[in-house]
Amino acid sequence: MKEETLIIMKNKVESLTRVVQHLLTEVTNLRELGIGTLETLKLTPDYDKALEQLKQNMIKQQEEEKLKDHETEKLPT
């Protein structure tokens, strides 16, 4: 390979390295933000009641999806 091509490749690799490092920093910041938000929510009144309601909603949604999938499987093709 020509030296010029190697220099271009080196610059691209360095640029990609900087981008990945920036992405890792952003992911870390988002994780910390998410944890902080969750911990703040845990301190709010009626947190346990809201959490239980979310659980019930998820169970209901999963049951509806299973029923819908089951009905779809019975349709003739």
Protein backbone atom coordinates (compact mmCIF):
# COMPACT_ATOMS: atom_id res chain seq x y z
CA MET A 1 0.00 0.00 0.00
CA LYS A 2 1.05 3.54 -0.59
CA GLU A 3 2.07 5.64 2.36
CA GLU A 4 -0.70 8.11 1.54
CA THR A 5 -3.32 5.34 1.74
CA LEU A 6 -1.95 4.20 5.09
CA ILE A 7 -2.10 7.76 6.46
CA ILE A 8 -5.73 8.09 5.32
CA MET A 9 -6.60 4.77 6.94
CA LYS A 10 -4.82 5.78 10.15
CA ASN A 11 -6.77 9.04 10.27
CA LYS A 12 -10.06 7.23 9.72
CA VAL A 13 -9.30 4.72 12.49
CA GLU A 14 -8.41 7.56 14.87
CA SER A 15 -11.61 9.36 13.95
CA LEU A 16 -13.69 6.24 14.54
CA THR A 17 -11.93 5.71 17.86
CA ARG A 18 -12.92 9.22 18.96
CA VAL A 19 -16.52 8.61 17.91
CA VAL A 20 -16.70 5.33 19.85
CA GLN A 21 -15.17 6.98 22.92
CA HIS A 22 -17.78 9.74 22.69
CA LEU A 23 -20.57 7.17 22.36
CA LEU A 24 -19.30 5.30 25.41
CA THR A 25 -19.29 8.54 27.38
CA GLU A 26 -22.86 9.29 26.27
CA VAL A 27 -24.02 5.78 27.22
CA THR A 28 -22.45 6.21 30.66
CA ASN A 29 -24.16 9.58 31.09
CA LEU A 30 -27.52 8.12 30.05
CA ARG A 31 -27.08 5.24 32.46
CA GLU A 32 -26.34 7.62 35.32
CA LEU A 33 -29.31 9.78 34.35
CA GLY A 34 -31.59 6.74 34.26
CA ILE A 35 -30.39 5.52 37.66
CA GLY A 36 -30.79 9.01 39.14
CA THR A 37 -34.29 9.32 37.73
CA LEU A 38 -35.26 5.92 39.10
CA GLU A 39 -33.89 6.72 42.54
CA THR A 40 -35.78 10.03 42.52
CA LEU A 41 -39.01 8.27 41.56
CA LYS A 42 -38.52 5.78 44.37
CA LEU A 43 -38.69 8.68 46.82
CA THR A 44 -42.04 9.93 45.54
CA PRO A 45 -45.24 9.15 47.43
CA ASP A 46 -47.25 6.16 46.18
CA TYR A 47 -44.24 4.76 44.30
CA ASP A 48 -45.06 1.20 45.39
CA LYS A 49 -48.69 1.61 44.32
CA ALA A 50 -47.65 2.95 40.89
CA LEU A 51 -45.12 0.14 40.46
CA GLU A 52 -47.76 -2.47 41.25
CA GLN A 53 -50.13 -0.85 38.72
CA LEU A 54 -47.38 -0.96 36.04
CA LYS A 55 -46.83 -4.64 36.77
CA GLN A 56 -50.54 -5.37 36.41
CA ASN A 57 -50.66 -3.41 33.14
CA MET A 58 -47.71 -5.37 31.76
CA ILE A 59 -49.30 -8.69 32.69
CA LYS A 60 -52.56 -7.64 31.04
CA GLN A 61 -50.74 -6.48 27.90
CA GLN A 62 -48.78 -9.74 27.66
CA GLU A 63 -51.97 -11.77 28.02
CA GLU A 64 -53.66 -9.72 25.28
CA GLU A 65 -50.68 -10.24 22.95
CA LYS A 66 -50.72 -13.98 23.59
CA LEU A 67 -54.43 -14.10 22.87
CA LYS A 68 -53.96 -12.09 19.68
CA ASP A 69 -51.09 -14.35 18.56
CA HIS A 70 -53.16 -17.44 19.35
CA GLU A 71 -56.10 -16.11 17.32
CA THR A 72 -53.78 -15.30 14.41
CA GLU A 73 -52.44 -18.85 14.39
CA LYS A 74 -55.99 -20.25 14.06
CA LEU A 75 -56.79 -18.21 10.94
CA PRO A 76 -56.84 -20.33 7.77
CA THR A 77 -54.21 -19.49 5.20
